N, C-alpha and C. Protein backbone atom coordinates (compact mmCIF):
# COMPACT_ATOMS: atom_id res chain seq x y z
N MET A 1 -172.26 51.50 -14.06
CA MET A 1 -173.06 52.68 -13.84
C MET A 1 -172.22 53.74 -13.15
N ASN A 2 -172.16 54.92 -13.71
CA ASN A 2 -171.37 56.00 -13.14
C ASN A 2 -172.17 56.73 -12.08
N MET A 3 -171.49 57.05 -10.99
CA MET A 3 -172.12 57.82 -9.93
C MET A 3 -172.05 59.29 -10.31
N PRO A 4 -173.05 60.08 -10.02
CA PRO A 4 -173.01 61.50 -10.35
C PRO A 4 -171.94 62.21 -9.53
N GLN A 5 -171.34 63.23 -10.14
CA GLN A 5 -170.32 64.03 -9.47
C GLN A 5 -170.94 64.75 -8.29
N SER A 6 -170.37 64.57 -7.12
CA SER A 6 -170.89 65.21 -5.91
C SER A 6 -170.45 66.66 -5.88
N ARG A 7 -171.37 67.58 -5.66
CA ARG A 7 -171.03 68.99 -5.54
C ARG A 7 -171.11 69.45 -4.09
N SER A 8 -171.48 68.54 -3.19
CA SER A 8 -171.51 68.90 -1.79
C SER A 8 -170.26 68.33 -1.11
N LEU A 9 -169.97 68.83 0.04
CA LEU A 9 -168.77 68.44 0.76
C LEU A 9 -169.09 67.26 1.67
N VAL A 10 -168.84 66.04 1.18
CA VAL A 10 -169.07 64.82 1.94
C VAL A 10 -167.86 63.91 1.83
N ARG A 11 -167.72 63.03 2.81
CA ARG A 11 -166.64 62.05 2.79
C ARG A 11 -167.13 60.80 2.05
N PRO A 12 -166.46 60.38 0.99
CA PRO A 12 -166.91 59.20 0.26
C PRO A 12 -166.70 57.93 1.07
N ARG A 13 -167.44 56.90 0.73
CA ARG A 13 -167.31 55.62 1.42
C ARG A 13 -166.17 54.77 0.84
N ASN A 14 -165.83 54.99 -0.43
CA ASN A 14 -164.78 54.20 -1.09
C ASN A 14 -163.60 55.10 -1.43
N GLY A 15 -162.42 54.53 -1.45
CA GLY A 15 -161.23 55.26 -1.85
C GLY A 15 -160.66 56.17 -0.78
N THR A 16 -160.95 55.88 0.47
CA THR A 16 -160.42 56.70 1.55
C THR A 16 -159.15 56.06 2.11
N VAL A 17 -158.30 56.88 2.70
CA VAL A 17 -157.08 56.36 3.33
C VAL A 17 -157.24 56.40 4.85
N ILE A 18 -157.53 57.55 5.41
CA ILE A 18 -157.70 57.65 6.86
C ILE A 18 -159.18 57.89 7.17
N ALA A 19 -159.66 59.09 6.87
CA ALA A 19 -161.05 59.42 7.19
C ALA A 19 -161.85 59.82 5.97
N GLY A 20 -161.19 60.05 4.85
CA GLY A 20 -161.88 60.45 3.63
C GLY A 20 -161.99 61.94 3.44
N VAL A 21 -161.34 62.72 4.29
CA VAL A 21 -161.42 64.17 4.18
C VAL A 21 -160.78 64.65 2.88
N CYS A 22 -159.58 64.19 2.58
CA CYS A 22 -158.90 64.61 1.35
C CYS A 22 -159.65 64.12 0.12
N ALA A 23 -160.18 62.91 0.17
CA ALA A 23 -160.95 62.39 -0.96
C ALA A 23 -162.22 63.20 -1.16
N GLY A 24 -162.87 63.61 -0.09
CA GLY A 24 -164.07 64.43 -0.19
C GLY A 24 -163.77 65.81 -0.75
N LEU A 25 -162.67 66.41 -0.30
CA LEU A 25 -162.27 67.71 -0.84
C LEU A 25 -161.92 67.60 -2.32
N ALA A 26 -161.26 66.51 -2.70
CA ALA A 26 -160.88 66.31 -4.10
C ALA A 26 -162.11 66.18 -4.98
N GLU A 27 -163.10 65.42 -4.54
CA GLU A 27 -164.33 65.27 -5.33
C GLU A 27 -165.08 66.58 -5.42
N ARG A 28 -165.12 67.33 -4.34
CA ARG A 28 -165.86 68.60 -4.33
C ARG A 28 -165.27 69.60 -5.29
N PHE A 29 -163.94 69.67 -5.35
CA PHE A 29 -163.28 70.69 -6.17
C PHE A 29 -162.75 70.15 -7.50
N GLY A 30 -163.05 68.89 -7.81
CA GLY A 30 -162.68 68.32 -9.10
C GLY A 30 -161.19 68.07 -9.27
N LEU A 31 -160.51 67.73 -8.20
CA LEU A 31 -159.08 67.44 -8.24
C LEU A 31 -158.85 65.96 -8.03
N GLY A 32 -157.63 65.51 -8.26
CA GLY A 32 -157.28 64.13 -7.99
C GLY A 32 -157.12 63.90 -6.49
N ARG A 33 -157.52 62.73 -6.05
CA ARG A 33 -157.42 62.42 -4.62
C ARG A 33 -155.98 62.44 -4.14
N ASN A 34 -155.08 61.85 -4.93
CA ASN A 34 -153.68 61.82 -4.52
C ASN A 34 -153.06 63.22 -4.55
N THR A 35 -153.53 64.09 -5.42
CA THR A 35 -153.04 65.46 -5.46
C THR A 35 -153.39 66.18 -4.16
N VAL A 36 -154.62 66.03 -3.71
CA VAL A 36 -155.04 66.68 -2.46
C VAL A 36 -154.28 66.09 -1.28
N ARG A 37 -154.09 64.79 -1.29
CA ARG A 37 -153.32 64.15 -0.19
C ARG A 37 -151.89 64.67 -0.16
N LEU A 38 -151.27 64.78 -1.33
CA LEU A 38 -149.90 65.28 -1.40
C LEU A 38 -149.83 66.72 -0.93
N LEU A 39 -150.79 67.54 -1.35
CA LEU A 39 -150.81 68.93 -0.89
C LEU A 39 -150.97 69.02 0.63
N PHE A 40 -151.80 68.14 1.20
CA PHE A 40 -151.96 68.14 2.66
C PHE A 40 -150.66 67.76 3.36
N VAL A 41 -150.00 66.72 2.86
CA VAL A 41 -148.74 66.29 3.48
C VAL A 41 -147.69 67.39 3.36
N LEU A 42 -147.61 68.02 2.20
CA LEU A 42 -146.64 69.11 2.03
C LEU A 42 -146.99 70.30 2.92
N SER A 43 -148.27 70.57 3.11
CA SER A 43 -148.66 71.68 3.97
C SER A 43 -148.28 71.42 5.43
N CYS A 44 -148.17 70.16 5.79
CA CYS A 44 -147.79 69.83 7.17
C CYS A 44 -146.34 70.19 7.47
N LEU A 45 -145.55 70.44 6.43
CA LEU A 45 -144.18 70.87 6.64
C LEU A 45 -144.12 72.34 7.06
N LEU A 46 -145.19 73.07 6.82
CA LEU A 46 -145.27 74.48 7.21
C LEU A 46 -145.94 74.60 8.58
N PRO A 47 -145.62 75.64 9.32
CA PRO A 47 -146.30 75.83 10.60
C PRO A 47 -147.76 76.20 10.38
N GLY A 48 -148.61 75.70 11.23
CA GLY A 48 -150.03 76.03 11.12
C GLY A 48 -150.91 74.93 11.69
N PRO A 49 -152.20 75.15 11.66
CA PRO A 49 -153.15 74.23 12.30
C PRO A 49 -153.71 73.15 11.35
N GLN A 50 -152.88 72.59 10.48
CA GLN A 50 -153.37 71.63 9.49
C GLN A 50 -154.05 70.43 10.12
N PHE A 51 -153.46 69.85 11.14
CA PHE A 51 -154.03 68.66 11.77
C PHE A 51 -155.34 68.99 12.47
N VAL A 52 -155.42 70.16 13.08
CA VAL A 52 -156.65 70.57 13.75
C VAL A 52 -157.76 70.76 12.72
N ILE A 53 -157.44 71.39 11.60
CA ILE A 53 -158.43 71.58 10.53
C ILE A 53 -158.88 70.24 9.99
N TYR A 54 -157.96 69.30 9.80
CA TYR A 54 -158.31 67.97 9.31
C TYR A 54 -159.29 67.28 10.26
N ILE A 55 -159.01 67.34 11.55
CA ILE A 55 -159.88 66.70 12.55
C ILE A 55 -161.25 67.37 12.58
N ILE A 56 -161.29 68.70 12.47
CA ILE A 56 -162.57 69.41 12.44
C ILE A 56 -163.37 69.00 11.21
N LEU A 57 -162.72 68.94 10.05
CA LEU A 57 -163.41 68.51 8.84
C LEU A 57 -163.89 67.07 8.97
N TRP A 58 -163.12 66.22 9.61
CA TRP A 58 -163.51 64.83 9.83
C TRP A 58 -164.81 64.77 10.63
N ILE A 59 -164.93 65.65 11.60
CA ILE A 59 -166.10 65.66 12.46
C ILE A 59 -167.32 66.26 11.75
N ILE A 60 -167.13 67.36 11.02
CA ILE A 60 -168.31 68.04 10.46
C ILE A 60 -168.72 67.55 9.07
N MET A 61 -167.82 66.88 8.34
CA MET A 61 -168.18 66.38 7.00
C MET A 61 -168.95 65.08 7.14
N PRO A 62 -170.18 65.00 6.62
CA PRO A 62 -170.94 63.76 6.73
C PRO A 62 -170.43 62.70 5.75
N LYS A 63 -170.69 61.43 6.07
CA LYS A 63 -170.38 60.34 5.15
C LYS A 63 -171.35 60.39 3.99
N ALA A 64 -170.88 60.05 2.80
CA ALA A 64 -171.76 60.02 1.62
C ALA A 64 -172.76 58.88 1.76
N ALA A 65 -173.92 59.07 1.19
CA ALA A 65 -174.98 58.08 1.28
C ALA A 65 -174.76 56.90 0.33
N TYR A 66 -173.96 57.09 -0.70
CA TYR A 66 -173.75 56.01 -1.69
C TYR A 66 -172.56 55.18 -1.36
């Protein structure tokens, strides 16, 4: 049984590596999970608040119900 595509910003319960933020963003925008993870890691090479944004998203994104 296929689960419906989530259009809301939630952290999935399966397929997460650390907190599920990248997996949730990937599902929301229709991208591959590993693509979003790679983009996040590459963005960490640039100066900016990437880790702070990740932690904020971890806090405000709810866990998926399924």
